[in-house]
């Protein structure tokens, strides 16, 4: 039997981020198992299954029902949870995958202006898809992982890597998106804190792009990268747009229930202007480094800057500083 230290379970391995994690993990010598609601292997936007997919153990399971995957956990060295949704209307994922700009715009329009059942801004819907996919699913998987007994004694803590997000999408996306991400982080921290056998990592990417698999993200990524570069090169005392937005956001009195994020959406916009987008392959590489059982130094929040450090980006002179 292969050492437990080389086996990784990817929750949502046939998705955009999950598939990149599976492919990268294989290249790094992991044995990879993916669980998803369909159990089907990853396919490209054109419907092809790359050669690497034959090396992944694709399993059908329900993240909210540990009984469907608990048998996989004793031989698992690390769990990477990639499930999540930016909009409660999941049709946007198909539009991005197909590169259909009109369908994507239609999805956004129906989300904010359309049917009552799909509008994440409605107060009564705030605990719908966001809570289930961004928070509850991760907590159920983490609970099961922490409760499992490794089939082979381990020298290092088993990592649970949760794909979270930077707060950059408000006010265009419901605040419940980022709030449920932060709630998941707090829940996972509670489950793993004080348990020497486990290590929690919260990967917080900004806009994740891929020019071929998510072509619609490329123009936006280019603009955001330009903005981040200009902000980083501005003189320290220069009143950059991000600084102005933060000043306005901090000066306003915002009536809002207590949250885990800045109450003003202006702070989120400021973040988007200074935090560069990141390629999905770079996110996957950082995740796999964090999932390495020997990297006990990688724990807690891993933001874009930390991801770049992990993959050696700073050595190429590509460091950035938030402005």
C-alpha atoms as a PDB file:
ATOM      1  CA  UNK A   1       0.000   0.000   0.000  1.00  0.00           C
ATOM      2  CA  UNK A   2       1.237   3.495  -0.873  1.00  0.00           C
ATOM      3  CA  UNK A   3       2.138   5.652   2.110  1.00  0.00           C
ATOM      4  CA  UNK A   4      -0.836   7.611   3.358  1.00  0.00           C
ATOM      5  CA  UNK A   5       1.241  10.775   3.078  1.00  0.00           C
ATOM      6  CA  UNK A   6       0.810  10.770  -0.711  1.00  0.00           C
ATOM      7  CA  UNK A   7      -2.983  10.501  -0.987  1.00  0.00           C
ATOM      8  CA  UNK A   8      -5.178  13.549  -1.484  1.00  0.00           C
ATOM      9  CA  UNK A   9      -8.962  13.913  -1.633  1.00  0.00           C
ATOM     10  CA  UNK A  10     -10.275  16.781  -3.761  1.00  0.00           C
ATOM     11  CA  UNK A  11     -13.867  17.787  -3.094  1.00  0.00           C
ATOM     12  CA  UNK A  12     -15.234  19.026  -6.406  1.00  0.00           C
ATOM     13  CA  UNK A  13     -12.316  17.721  -8.449  1.00  0.00           C
ATOM     14  CA  UNK A  14     -14.148  17.953 -11.774  1.00  0.00           C
ATOM     15  CA  UNK A  15     -14.711  21.713 -11.460  1.00  0.00           C
ATOM     16  CA  UNK A  16     -12.638  24.634 -12.688  1.00  0.00           C
ATOM     17  CA  UNK A  17     -10.322  24.931  -9.675  1.00  0.00           C
ATOM     18  CA  UNK A  18     -10.684  21.316  -8.563  1.00  0.00           C
ATOM     19  CA  UNK A  19      -9.542  19.896 -11.897  1.00  0.00           C
ATOM     20  CA  UNK A  20      -6.442  22.090 -11.840  1.00  0.00           C
ATOM     21  CA  UNK A  21      -5.696  20.814  -8.333  1.00  0.00           C
ATOM     22  CA  UNK A  22      -6.111  17.193  -9.446  1.00  0.00           C
ATOM     23  CA  UNK A  23      -3.800  17.660 -12.418  1.00  0.00           C
ATOM     24  CA  UNK A  24      -1.153  19.460 -10.361  1.00  0.00           C
ATOM     25  CA  UNK A  25      -1.346  16.942  -7.519  1.00  0.00           C
ATOM     26  CA  UNK A  26      -0.730  14.077  -9.926  1.00  0.00           C
ATOM     27  CA  UNK A  27       2.333  15.879 -11.272  1.00  0.00           C
ATOM     28  CA  UNK A  28       3.600  16.208  -7.702  1.00  0.00           C
ATOM     29  CA  UNK A  29       3.291  12.484  -7.042  1.00  0.00           C
ATOM     30  CA  UNK A  30       0.030  12.347  -5.112  1.00  0.00           C
ATOM     31  CA  UNK A  31      -2.544   9.627  -5.525  1.00  0.00           C
ATOM     32  CA  UNK A  32      -5.702  11.627  -6.252  1.00  0.00           C
ATOM     33  CA  UNK A  33      -9.341  10.912  -5.496  1.00  0.00           C
ATOM     34  CA  UNK A  34     -12.105  13.315  -6.459  1.00  0.00           C
ATOM     35  CA  UNK A  35     -15.615  13.355  -5.075  1.00  0.00           C
ATOM     36  CA  UNK A  36     -18.466  15.260  -6.681  1.00  0.00           C
ATOM     37  CA  UNK A  37     -22.230  15.050  -7.015  1.00  0.00           C
ATOM     38  CA  UNK A  38     -21.927  13.437 -10.452  1.00  0.00           C
ATOM     39  CA  UNK A  39     -18.763  11.413  -9.971  1.00  0.00           C
ATOM     40  CA  UNK A  40     -17.894  12.054 -13.601  1.00  0.00           C
ATOM     41  CA  UNK A  41     -14.335  12.830 -14.736  1.00  0.00           C
ATOM     42  CA  UNK A  42     -13.386  16.353 -15.680  1.00  0.00           C
ATOM     43  CA  UNK A  43     -13.991  17.375 -19.292  1.00  0.00           C
ATOM     44  CA  UNK A  44     -12.770  20.436 -21.179  1.00  0.00           C
ATOM     45  CA  UNK A  45     -15.266  23.018 -22.515  1.00  0.00           C
ATOM     46  CA  UNK A  46     -15.225  21.010 -25.764  1.00  0.00           C
ATOM     47  CA  UNK A  47     -16.163  17.825 -23.929  1.00  0.00           C
ATOM     48  CA  UNK A  48     -12.777  16.088 -23.996  1.00  0.00           C
ATOM     49  CA  UNK A  49     -11.253  14.185 -21.090  1.00  0.00           C
ATOM     50  CA  UNK A  50      -7.484  14.862 -20.936  1.00  0.00           C
ATOM     51  CA  UNK A  51      -5.145  11.893 -20.502  1.00  0.00           C
ATOM     52  CA  UNK A  52      -4.417  12.757 -16.869  1.00  0.00           C
ATOM     53  CA  UNK A  53      -8.049  12.142 -15.890  1.00  0.00           C
ATOM     54  CA  UNK A  54      -7.484   8.381 -16.241  1.00  0.00           C
ATOM     55  CA  UNK A  55      -5.149   8.540 -13.234  1.00  0.00           C
ATOM     56  CA  UNK A  56      -7.751  10.060 -10.889  1.00  0.00           C
ATOM     57  CA  UNK A  57     -10.149   7.977  -8.818  1.00  0.00           C
ATOM     58  CA  UNK A  58     -13.474   9.683  -9.607  1.00  0.00           C
ATOM     59  CA  UNK A  59     -16.136   9.017  -6.988  1.00  0.00           C
ATOM     60  CA  UNK A  60     -19.758  10.094  -6.647  1.00  0.00           C
ATOM     61  CA  UNK A  61     -20.548  11.525  -3.211  1.00  0.00           C
ATOM     62  CA  UNK A  62     -22.533  14.225  -1.431  1.00  0.00           C
ATOM     63  CA  UNK A  63     -20.332  16.621   0.538  1.00  0.00           C
ATOM     64  CA  UNK A  64     -23.224  17.239   2.931  1.00  0.00           C
ATOM     65  CA  UNK A  65     -23.550  13.506   3.635  1.00  0.00           C
ATOM     66  CA  UNK A  66     -20.306  12.129   5.121  1.00  0.00           C
ATOM     67  CA  UNK A  67     -21.587   8.559   4.886  1.00  0.00           C
ATOM     68  CA  UNK A  68     -21.009   8.752   1.112  1.00  0.00           C
ATOM     69  CA  UNK A  69     -17.271   9.411   1.427  1.00  0.00           C
ATOM     70  CA  UNK A  70     -16.223   8.619   5.018  1.00  0.00           C
ATOM     71  CA  UNK A  71     -14.654   5.331   3.865  1.00  0.00           C
ATOM     72  CA  UNK A  72     -12.112   7.318   1.824  1.00  0.00           C
ATOM     73  CA  UNK A  73     -10.843   9.447   4.701  1.00  0.00           C
ATOM     74  CA  UNK A  74      -8.725   7.006   6.764  1.00  0.00           C
ATOM     75  CA  UNK A  75      -6.252   6.622   3.873  1.00  0.00           C
ATOM     76  CA  UNK A  76      -6.287  10.312   2.986  1.00  0.00           C
ATOM     77  CA  UNK A  77      -3.343  12.518   3.902  1.00  0.00           C
ATOM     78  CA  UNK A  78      -4.952  15.812   2.872  1.00  0.00           C
ATOM     79  CA  UNK A  79      -8.348  17.149   1.858  1.00  0.00           C
ATOM     80  CA  UNK A  80      -8.797  20.054  -0.541  1.00  0.00           C
ATOM     81  CA  UNK A  81     -12.276  21.557  -0.579  1.00  0.00           C
ATOM     82  CA  UNK A  82     -12.984  23.459  -3.808  1.00  0.00           C
ATOM     83  CA  UNK A  83     -16.789  23.574  -3.797  1.00  0.00           C
ATOM     84  CA  UNK A  84     -18.363  27.008  -3.838  1.00  0.00           C
ATOM     85  CA  UNK A  85     -20.488  29.394  -5.846  1.00  0.00           C
ATOM     86  CA  UNK A  86     -20.128  33.052  -6.779  1.00  0.00           C
ATOM     87  CA  UNK A  87     -23.821  33.347  -7.627  1.00  0.00           C
ATOM     88  CA  UNK A  88     -26.668  31.314  -6.222  1.00  0.00           C
ATOM     89  CA  UNK A  89     -27.819  30.841  -9.822  1.00  0.00           C
ATOM     90  CA  UNK A  90     -25.202  28.266 -10.849  1.00  0.00           C
ATOM     91  CA  UNK A  91     -25.899  28.741 -14.566  1.00  0.00           C
ATOM     92  CA  UNK A  92     -23.124  31.326 -14.610  1.00  0.00           C
ATOM     93  CA  UNK A  93     -20.564  28.492 -14.413  1.00  0.00           C
ATOM     94  CA  UNK A  94     -21.785  26.978 -17.665  1.00  0.00           C
ATOM     95  CA  UNK A  95     -21.726  30.403 -19.324  1.00  0.00           C
ATOM     96  CA  UNK A  96     -18.113  30.948 -18.240  1.00  0.00           C
ATOM     97  CA  UNK A  97     -17.087  27.478 -19.382  1.00  0.00           C
ATOM     98  CA  UNK A  98     -18.741  27.955 -22.770  1.00  0.00           C
ATOM     99  CA  UNK A  99     -17.458  31.512 -23.182  1.00  0.00           C
ATOM    100  CA  UNK A 100     -21.014  32.711 -23.813  1.00  0.00           C
ATOM    101  CA  UNK A 101     -21.029  36.387 -22.844  1.00  0.00           C
ATOM    102  CA  UNK A 102     -24.743  36.823 -23.525  1.00  0.00           C
ATOM    103  CA  UNK A 103     -25.688  33.875 -21.345  1.00  0.00           C
ATOM    104  CA  UNK A 104     -23.394  35.193 -18.615  1.00  0.00           C
ATOM    105  CA  UNK A 105     -24.959  38.662 -18.759  1.00  0.00           C
ATOM    106  CA  UNK A 106     -28.373  37.034 -18.738  1.00  0.00           C
ATOM    107  CA  UNK A 107     -27.489  35.094 -15.636  1.00  0.00           C
ATOM    108  CA  UNK A 108     -26.392  38.257 -13.837  1.00  0.00           C
ATOM    109  CA  UNK A 109     -29.522  40.055 -14.998  1.00  0.00           C
ATOM    110  CA  UNK A 110     -31.825  37.284 -13.799  1.00  0.00           C
ATOM    111  CA  UNK A 111     -29.959  37.110 -10.522  1.00  0.00           C
ATOM    112  CA  UNK A 112     -30.385  40.742  -9.610  1.00  0.00           C
ATOM    113  CA  UNK A 113     -33.476  41.739 -11.570  1.00  0.00           C
ATOM    114  CA  UNK A 114     -35.282  38.507 -12.259  1.00  0.00           C
ATOM    115  CA  UNK A 115     -37.099  35.817 -10.352  1.00  0.00           C
ATOM    116  CA  UNK A 116     -37.468  35.938  -6.597  1.00  0.00           C
ATOM    117  CA  UNK A 117     -36.024  32.465  -6.199  1.00  0.00           C
ATOM    118  CA  UNK A 118     -32.671  33.342  -7.770  1.00  0.00           C
ATOM    119  CA  UNK A 119     -31.960  36.816  -6.391  1.00  0.00           C
ATOM    120  CA  UNK A 120     -29.236  36.564  -3.717  1.00  0.00           C
ATOM    121  CA  UNK A 121     -29.874  40.158  -2.628  1.00  0.00           C
ATOM    122  CA  UNK A 122     -33.295  39.323  -1.234  1.00  0.00           C
ATOM    123  CA  UNK A 123     -33.160  39.131   2.545  1.00  0.00           C
ATOM    124  CA  UNK A 124     -35.119  35.892   2.758  1.00  0.00           C
ATOM    125  CA  UNK A 125     -32.809  34.117   0.296  1.00  0.00           C
ATOM    126  CA  UNK A 126     -29.520  34.941   2.002  1.00  0.00           C
ATOM    127  CA  UNK A 127     -29.271  31.519   3.615  1.00  0.00           C
ATOM    128  CA  UNK A 128     -29.809  29.616   0.376  1.00  0.00           C
ATOM    129  CA  UNK A 129     -27.115  28.381  -1.988  1.00  0.00           C
ATOM    130  CA  UNK A 130     -24.359  30.495  -0.502  1.00  0.00           C
ATOM    131  CA  UNK A 131     -24.732  29.013   2.957  1.00  0.00           C
ATOM    132  CA  UNK A 132     -25.006  25.467   1.658  1.00  0.00           C
ATOM    133  CA  UNK A 133     -22.222  25.456  -0.929  1.00  0.00           C
ATOM    134  CA  UNK A 134     -19.757  27.948   0.528  1.00  0.00           C
ATOM    135  CA  UNK A 135     -20.086  27.083   4.214  1.00  0.00           C
ATOM    136  CA  UNK A 136     -22.077  24.028   5.223  1.00  0.00           C
ATOM    137  CA  UNK A 137     -20.543  21.598   2.719  1.00  0.00           C
ATOM    138  CA  UNK A 138     -17.025  22.519   3.833  1.00  0.00           C
ATOM    139  CA  UNK A 139     -17.898  22.148   7.498  1.00  0.00           C
ATOM    140  CA  UNK A 140     -19.442  18.693   6.985  1.00  0.00           C
ATOM    141  CA  UNK A 141     -16.353  17.490   5.111  1.00  0.00           C
ATOM    142  CA  UNK A 142     -14.003  18.958   7.706  1.00  0.00           C
ATOM    143  CA  UNK A 143     -15.980  17.384  10.568  1.00  0.00           C
ATOM    144  CA  UNK A 144     -15.759  13.986   8.900  1.00  0.00           C
ATOM    145  CA  UNK A 145     -12.051  14.399   8.155  1.00  0.00           C
ATOM    146  CA  UNK A 146     -11.180  15.408  11.713  1.00  0.00           C
ATOM    147  CA  UNK A 147     -13.270  12.533  13.079  1.00  0.00           C
ATOM    148  CA  UNK A 148     -11.551   9.934  10.894  1.00  0.00           C
ATOM    149  CA  UNK A 149      -8.722   7.779  12.155  1.00  0.00           C
ATOM    150  CA  UNK A 150      -5.704   7.508   9.827  1.00  0.00           C
ATOM    151  CA  UNK A 151      -5.088   3.912   8.749  1.00  0.00           C
ATOM    152  CA  UNK A 152      -1.334   4.548   9.049  1.00  0.00           C
ATOM    153  CA  UNK A 153       0.323   6.575  11.834  1.00  0.00           C
ATOM    154  CA  UNK A 154       1.382  10.013  10.635  1.00  0.00           C
ATOM    155  CA  UNK A 155       4.397  12.096  11.515  1.00  0.00           C
ATOM    156  CA  UNK A 156       2.868  15.397  10.377  1.00  0.00           C
ATOM    157  CA  UNK A 157      -0.603  16.956  10.785  1.00  0.00           C
ATOM    158  CA  UNK A 158      -3.097  16.219   8.026  1.00  0.00           C
ATOM    159  CA  UNK A 159      -3.948  19.447   6.157  1.00  0.00           C
ATOM    160  CA  UNK A 160      -7.482  20.558   5.327  1.00  0.00           C
ATOM    161  CA  UNK A 161      -7.231  23.147   2.552  1.00  0.00           C
ATOM    162  CA  UNK A 162     -10.320  25.291   1.999  1.00  0.00           C
ATOM    163  CA  UNK A 163     -10.578  27.384  -1.157  1.00  0.00           C
ATOM    164  CA  UNK A 164     -11.931  30.680   0.145  1.00  0.00           C
ATOM    165  CA  UNK A 165     -11.709  34.066  -1.609  1.00  0.00           C
ATOM    166  CA  UNK A 166     -10.521  37.638  -1.374  1.00  0.00           C
ATOM    167  CA  UNK A 167     -13.241  40.220  -0.773  1.00  0.00           C
ATOM    168  CA  UNK A 168     -13.240  41.817  -4.244  1.00  0.00           C
ATOM    169  CA  UNK A 169     -16.683  41.222  -5.739  1.00  0.00           C
ATOM    170  CA  UNK A 170     -19.009  43.503  -3.784  1.00  0.00           C
ATOM    171  CA  UNK A 171     -21.281  45.319  -4.602  1.00  0.00           C
ATOM    172  CA  UNK A 172     -21.696  43.418  -7.881  1.00  0.00           C
ATOM    173  CA  UNK A 173     -22.105  40.149  -5.973  1.00  0.00           C
ATOM    174  CA  UNK A 174     -24.196  39.621  -2.844  1.00  0.00           C
ATOM    175  CA  UNK A 175     -22.237  40.153   0.392  1.00  0.00           C
ATOM    176  CA  UNK A 176     -23.394  36.707   1.453  1.00  0.00           C
ATOM    177  CA  UNK A 177     -20.831  35.232  -0.927  1.00  0.00           C
ATOM    178  CA  UNK A 178     -17.843  36.490   1.037  1.00  0.00           C
ATOM    179  CA  UNK A 179     -19.612  36.301   4.396  1.00  0.00           C
ATOM    180  CA  UNK A 180     -20.287  32.577   4.023  1.00  0.00           C
ATOM    181  CA  UNK A 181     -16.679  32.046   2.951  1.00  0.00           C
ATOM    182  CA  UNK A 182     -15.497  33.727   6.155  1.00  0.00           C
ATOM    183  CA  UNK A 183     -18.036  31.799   8.231  1.00  0.00           C
ATOM    184  CA  UNK A 184     -16.628  28.575   6.790  1.00  0.00           C
ATOM    185  CA  UNK A 185     -13.098  29.638   7.712  1.00  0.00           C
ATOM    186  CA  UNK A 186     -14.179  30.325  11.312  1.00  0.00           C
ATOM    187  CA  UNK A 187     -15.979  26.975  11.514  1.00  0.00           C
ATOM    188  CA  UNK A 188     -13.007  25.040  10.165  1.00  0.00           C
ATOM    189  CA  UNK A 189     -10.685  26.840  12.563  1.00  0.00           C
ATOM    190  CA  UNK A 190     -12.949  25.826  15.450  1.00  0.00           C
ATOM    191  CA  UNK A 191     -12.912  22.191  14.310  1.00  0.00           C
ATOM    192  CA  UNK A 192      -9.133  21.987  13.922  1.00  0.00           C
ATOM    193  CA  UNK A 193      -7.860  24.326  16.642  1.00  0.00           C
ATOM    194  CA  UNK A 194      -6.058  22.492  19.406  1.00  0.00           C
ATOM    195  CA  UNK A 195      -5.934  19.253  17.400  1.00  0.00           C
ATOM    196  CA  UNK A 196      -2.277  18.519  16.682  1.00  0.00           C
ATOM    197  CA  UNK A 197      -3.222  15.958  14.065  1.00  0.00           C
ATOM    198  CA  UNK A 198      -4.726  18.523  11.680  1.00  0.00           C
ATOM    199  CA  UNK A 199      -3.703  21.757   9.996  1.00  0.00           C
ATOM    200  CA  UNK A 200      -6.167  24.197   8.418  1.00  0.00           C
ATOM    201  CA  UNK A 201      -5.283  26.345   5.400  1.00  0.00           C
ATOM    202  CA  UNK A 202      -7.541  28.999   3.885  1.00  0.00           C
ATOM    203  CA  UNK A 203      -6.505  29.836   0.341  1.00  0.00           C
ATOM    204  CA  UNK A 204      -7.883  33.218  -0.705  1.00  0.00           C
ATOM    205  CA  UNK A 205      -7.517  33.799  -4.450  1.00  0.00           C
ATOM    206  CA  UNK A 206      -8.651  36.980  -6.162  1.00  0.00           C
ATOM    207  CA  UNK A 207     -10.173  36.759  -9.651  1.00  0.00           C
ATOM    208  CA  UNK A 208      -9.111  33.341 -10.997  1.00  0.00           C
ATOM    209  CA  UNK A 209      -8.629  33.302 -14.736  1.00  0.00           C
ATOM    210  CA  UNK A 210      -7.649  30.991 -17.583  1.00  0.00           C
ATOM    211  CA  UNK A 211      -7.417  32.321 -21.151  1.00  0.00           C
ATOM    212  CA  UNK A 212      -8.633  29.096 -22.760  1.00  0.00           C
ATOM    213  CA  UNK A 213     -10.985  27.450 -20.266  1.00  0.00           C
ATOM    214  CA  UNK A 214     -12.487  30.728 -18.988  1.00  0.00           C
ATOM    215  CA  UNK A 215     -11.919  33.160 -21.883  1.00  0.00           C
ATOM    216  CA  UNK A 216     -14.411  35.702 -20.574  1.00  0.00           C
ATOM    217  CA  UNK A 217     -12.246  36.257 -17.506  1.00  0.00           C
ATOM    218  CA  UNK A 218      -9.177  37.313 -19.492  1.00  0.00           C
ATOM    219  CA  UNK A 219     -10.182  40.923 -20.352  1.00  0.00           C
ATOM    220  CA  UNK A 220     -11.252  41.599 -16.771  1.00  0.00           C
ATOM    221  CA  UNK A 221      -8.073  39.976 -15.463  1.00  0.00           C
ATOM    222  CA  UNK A 222      -5.958  42.156 -17.746  1.00  0.00           C
ATOM    223  CA  UNK A 223      -7.622  45.331 -16.492  1.00  0.00           C
ATOM    224  CA  UNK A 224      -7.308  44.328 -12.848  1.00  0.00           C
ATOM    225  CA  UNK A 225      -3.661  43.355 -13.322  1.00  0.00           C
ATOM    226  CA  UNK A 226      -2.973  46.748 -14.888  1.00  0.00           C
ATOM    227  CA  UNK A 227      -4.704  48.479 -11.979  1.00  0.00           C
ATOM    228  CA  UNK A 228      -2.712  46.485  -9.412  1.00  0.00           C
ATOM    229  CA  UNK A 229       0.543  47.298 -11.233  1.00  0.00           C
ATOM    230  CA  UNK A 230      -0.238  51.016 -11.373  1.00  0.00           C
ATOM    231  CA  UNK A 231      -1.224  51.117  -7.701  1.00  0.00           C
ATOM    232  CA  UNK A 232       1.943  49.279  -6.695  1.00  0.00           C
ATOM    233  CA  UNK A 233       4.141  51.723  -8.616  1.00  0.00           C
ATOM    234  CA  UNK A 234       2.434  54.868  -7.298  1.00  0.00           C
ATOM    235  CA  UNK A 235       4.339  57.027  -4.789  1.00  0.00           C
ATOM    236  CA  UNK A 236       3.560  56.179  -1.186  1.00  0.00           C
ATOM    237  CA  UNK A 237       1.745  59.457  -0.453  1.00  0.00           C
ATOM    238  CA  UNK A 238      -0.132  59.567  -3.760  1.00  0.00           C
ATOM    239  CA  UNK A 239      -3.952  59.440  -3.303  1.00  0.00           C
ATOM    240  CA  UNK A 240      -4.617  56.360  -5.407  1.00  0.00           C
ATOM    241  CA  UNK A 241      -8.211  55.370  -6.225  1.00  0.00           C
ATOM    242  CA  UNK A 242      -8.017  52.508  -3.740  1.00  0.00           C
ATOM    243  CA  UNK A 243      -6.941  54.839  -0.927  1.00  0.00           C
ATOM    244  CA  UNK A 244      -9.737  57.272  -1.743  1.00  0.00           C
ATOM    245  CA  UNK A 245     -12.314  54.487  -1.732  1.00  0.00           C
ATOM    246  CA  UNK A 246     -11.065  53.138   1.596  1.00  0.00           C
ATOM    247  CA  UNK A 247     -11.200  56.627   3.081  1.00  0.00           C
ATOM    248  CA  UNK A 248     -14.804  57.069   2.008  1.00  0.00           C
ATOM    249  CA  UNK A 249     -15.686  53.585   3.185  1.00  0.00           C
ATOM    250  CA  UNK A 250     -14.162  54.147   6.604  1.00  0.00           C
ATOM    251  CA  UNK A 251     -15.826  57.536   7.018  1.00  0.00           C
ATOM    252  CA  UNK A 252     -19.348  56.370   6.240  1.00  0.00           C
ATOM    253  CA  UNK A 253     -21.707  55.037   8.846  1.00  0.00           C
ATOM    254  CA  UNK A 254     -22.983  51.769   7.457  1.00  0.00           C
ATOM    255  CA  UNK A 255     -26.054  50.241   9.021  1.00  0.00           C
ATOM    256  CA  UNK A 256     -25.432  46.528   8.771  1.00  0.00           C
ATOM    257  CA  UNK A 257     -25.574  43.452  10.913  1.00  0.00           C
ATOM    258  CA  UNK A 258     -22.261  42.358  12.349  1.00  0.00           C
ATOM    259  CA  UNK A 259     -20.213  40.619   9.676  1.00  0.00           C
ATOM    260  CA  UNK A 260     -16.793  39.068   9.229  1.00  0.00           C
ATOM    261  CA  UNK A 261     -15.949  41.469   6.404  1.00  0.00           C
ATOM    262  CA  UNK A 262     -15.641  45.238   6.124  1.00  0.00           C
ATOM    263  CA  UNK A 263     -19.197  46.645   6.190  1.00  0.00           C
ATOM    264  CA  UNK A 264     -18.574  48.995   3.257  1.00  0.00           C
ATOM    265  CA  UNK A 265     -18.561  47.637  -0.290  1.00  0.00           C
ATOM    266  CA  UNK A 266     -16.117  50.420  -1.163  1.00  0.00           C
ATOM    267  CA  UNK A 267     -13.439  48.477   0.695  1.00  0.00           C
ATOM    268  CA  UNK A 268     -14.144  45.492  -1.538  1.00  0.00           C
ATOM    269  CA  UNK A 269     -13.806  47.622  -4.676  1.00  0.00           C
ATOM    270  CA  UNK A 270     -10.529  49.004  -3.320  1.00  0.00           C
ATOM    271  CA  UNK A 271      -9.285  45.446  -2.835  1.00  0.00           C
ATOM    272  CA  UNK A 272     -10.151  44.597  -6.436  1.00  0.00           C
ATOM    273  CA  UNK A 273      -8.048  47.534  -7.642  1.00  0.00           C
ATOM    274  CA  UNK A 274      -4.880  46.482  -5.811  1.00  0.00           C
ATOM    275  CA  UNK A 275      -4.958  42.677  -5.611  1.00  0.00           C
ATOM    276  CA  UNK A 276      -3.891  41.186  -8.947  1.00  0.00           C
ATOM    277  CA  UNK A 277      -5.823  38.322 -10.544  1.00  0.00           C
ATOM    278  CA  UNK A 278      -4.259  34.887 -10.442  1.00  0.00           C
ATOM    279  CA  UNK A 279      -4.080  32.062 -12.981  1.00  0.00           C
ATOM    280  CA  UNK A 280      -5.910  28.902 -11.953  1.00  0.00           C
ATOM    281  CA  UNK A 281      -2.732  26.839 -12.387  1.00  0.00           C
ATOM    282  CA  UNK A 282      -0.911  29.070  -9.908  1.00  0.00           C
ATOM    283  CA  UNK A 283      -3.752  28.658  -7.419  1.00  0.00           C
ATOM    284  CA  UNK A 284      -3.574  24.884  -7.857  1.00  0.00           C
ATOM    285  CA  UNK A 285       0.198  24.861  -7.399  1.00  0.00           C
ATOM    286  CA  UNK A 286      -0.077  26.818  -4.147  1.00  0.00           C
ATOM    287  CA  UNK A 287      -2.863  24.532  -2.925  1.00  0.00           C
ATOM    288  CA  UNK A 288      -0.803  21.416  -3.576  1.00  0.00           C
ATOM    289  CA  UNK A 289       2.152  22.883  -1.712  1.00  0.00           C
ATOM    290  CA  UNK A 290      -0.158  23.641   1.221  1.00  0.00           C
ATOM    291  CA  UNK A 291      -1.539  20.089   1.026  1.00  0.00           C
ATOM    292  CA  UNK A 292       1.939  18.593   1.375  1.00  0.00           C
ATOM    293  CA  UNK A 293       1.966  17.033   4.841  1.00  0.00           C
ATOM    294  CA  UNK A 294       5.580  18.131   5.402  1.00  0.00           C
ATOM    295  CA  UNK A 295       4.788  21.840   4.914  1.00  0.00           C
ATOM    296  CA  UNK A 296       3.715  22.488   8.479  1.00  0.00           C
ATOM    297  CA  UNK A 297       4.733  26.116   8.012  1.00  0.00           C
ATOM    298  CA  UNK A 298       1.771  26.681   5.677  1.00  0.00           C
ATOM    299  CA  UNK A 299      -1.330  27.245   7.775  1.00  0.00           C
ATOM    300  CA  UNK A 300      -4.067  29.801   8.261  1.00  0.00           C
ATOM    301  CA  UNK A 301      -4.841  32.402   5.599  1.00  0.00           C
ATOM    302  CA  UNK A 302      -2.888  32.175   2.334  1.00  0.00           C
ATOM    303  CA  UNK A 303      -3.680  35.233   0.232  1.00  0.00           C
ATOM    304  CA  UNK A 304      -2.503  36.044  -3.284  1.00  0.00           C
ATOM    305  CA  UNK A 305       0.802  37.456  -2.064  1.00  0.00           C
ATOM    306  CA  UNK A 306       1.455  34.314   0.009  1.00  0.00           C
ATOM    307  CA  UNK A 307       0.479  32.081  -2.916  1.00  0.00           C
ATOM    308  CA  UNK A 308       3.007  33.852  -5.116  1.00  0.00           C
ATOM    309  CA  UNK A 309       5.671  33.335  -2.497  1.00  0.00           C
ATOM    310  CA  UNK A 310       4.854  29.635  -2.220  1.00  0.00           C
ATOM    311  CA  UNK A 311       5.220  29.053  -5.945  1.00  0.00           C
ATOM    312  CA  UNK A 312       8.368  31.170  -6.226  1.00  0.00           C
ATOM    313  CA  UNK A 313       6.755  34.106  -8.014  1.00  0.00           C
ATOM    314  CA  UNK A 314       8.666  36.709  -5.982  1.00  0.00           C
ATOM    315  CA  UNK A 315      11.932  35.289  -7.283  1.00  0.00           C
ATOM    316  CA  UNK A 316      10.821  36.393 -10.743  1.00  0.00           C
ATOM    317  CA  UNK A 317      10.429  39.998  -9.574  1.00  0.00           C
ATOM    318  CA  UNK A 318       6.655  39.916  -9.623  1.00  0.00           C
ATOM    319  CA  UNK A 319       5.947  40.915  -6.030  1.00  0.00           C
ATOM    320  CA  UNK A 320       3.190  43.421  -5.350  1.00  0.00           C
ATOM    321  CA  UNK A 321       2.164  45.572  -2.432  1.00  0.00           C
ATOM    322  CA  UNK A 322      -1.399  46.602  -1.665  1.00  0.00           C
ATOM    323  CA  UNK A 323      -1.997  50.339  -2.007  1.00  0.00           C
END
